[in-house]
C-alpha atoms as a PDB file:
ATOM      1  CA  MET A   1      -5.045   6.077 -10.819  1.00  0.00           C
ATOM      2  CA  SER A   2      -2.025   7.249  -8.966  1.00  0.00           C
ATOM      3  CA  TYR A   3       0.109  10.326  -9.444  1.00  0.00           C
ATOM      4  CA  HIS A   4       2.583   8.224 -11.440  1.00  0.00           C
ATOM      5  CA  ASP A   5      -0.148   7.035 -13.819  1.00  0.00           C
ATOM      6  CA  ILE A   6      -1.269  10.619 -14.449  1.00  0.00           C
ATOM      7  CA  ALA A   7       2.333  11.753 -14.967  1.00  0.00           C
ATOM      8  CA  GLU A   8       2.775   9.149 -17.727  1.00  0.00           C
ATOM      9  CA  LEU A   9      -0.348  10.421 -19.518  1.00  0.00           C
ATOM     10  CA  HIS A  10       0.627  14.095 -19.248  1.00  0.00           C
ATOM     11  CA  ASP A  11       1.647  14.450 -22.907  1.00  0.00           C
ATOM     12  CA  THR A  12      -1.537  12.938 -24.354  1.00  0.00           C
ATOM     13  CA  ARG A  13      -4.271  13.725 -21.810  1.00  0.00           C
ATOM     14  CA  ARG A  14      -5.474  16.609 -19.685  1.00  0.00           C
ATOM     15  CA  ILE A  15      -7.479  16.604 -16.461  1.00  0.00           C
ATOM     16  CA  VAL A  16     -10.991  17.944 -17.039  1.00  0.00           C
ATOM     17  CA  ARG A  17     -12.409  17.344 -13.544  1.00  0.00           C
ATOM     18  CA  CYS A  18     -11.228  15.842 -10.309  1.00  0.00           C
ATOM     19  CA  ALA A  19     -12.764  15.153  -6.923  1.00  0.00           C
ATOM     20  CA  LEU A  20     -11.724  13.849  -3.508  1.00  0.00           C
ATOM     21  CA  PHE A  21     -13.877  11.484  -1.461  1.00  0.00           C
ATOM     22  CA  GLU A  22     -13.540  10.676   2.206  1.00  0.00           C
ATOM     23  CA  GLN A  23     -14.496   6.986   2.266  1.00  0.00           C
ATOM     24  CA  LEU A  24     -13.104   6.298   5.749  1.00  0.00           C
ATOM     25  CA  PRO A  25     -13.950   9.347   7.895  1.00  0.00           C
ATOM     26  CA  TYR A  26     -11.685   8.573  10.871  1.00  0.00           C
ATOM     27  CA  SER A  27      -8.530   7.869   8.866  1.00  0.00           C
ATOM     28  CA  GLN A  28      -6.107   9.971   6.842  1.00  0.00           C
ATOM     29  CA  HIS A  29      -7.073   8.095   3.666  1.00  0.00           C
ATOM     30  CA  MET A  30      -8.732   9.905   0.746  1.00  0.00           C
ATOM     31  CA  GLU A  31     -10.010   8.520  -2.547  1.00  0.00           C
ATOM     32  CA  SER A  32      -9.702  10.527  -5.738  1.00  0.00           C
ATOM     33  CA  ARG A  33     -11.423  10.365  -9.106  1.00  0.00           C
ATOM     34  CA  GLY A  34     -10.587  12.215 -12.255  1.00  0.00           C
ATOM     35  CA  LEU A  35     -11.926  12.711 -15.749  1.00  0.00           C
ATOM     36  CA  LEU A  36      -9.262  12.852 -18.457  1.00  0.00           C
ATOM     37  CA  GLU A  37      -9.640  13.759 -22.111  1.00  0.00           C
ATOM     38  CA  ARG A  38      -7.295  13.596 -25.062  1.00  0.00           C
ATOM     39  CA  LYS A  39      -5.406  16.779 -25.885  1.00  0.00           C
END
């Protein structure tokens, strides 16, 4: 999910947990995962 996807869900969901993962150690790229639940 991107920032824009999360922004659209802001009224109906909340972020419970989130994490960043460095899949490609020698790049500036980061992966993110989040757990959302209904408000």
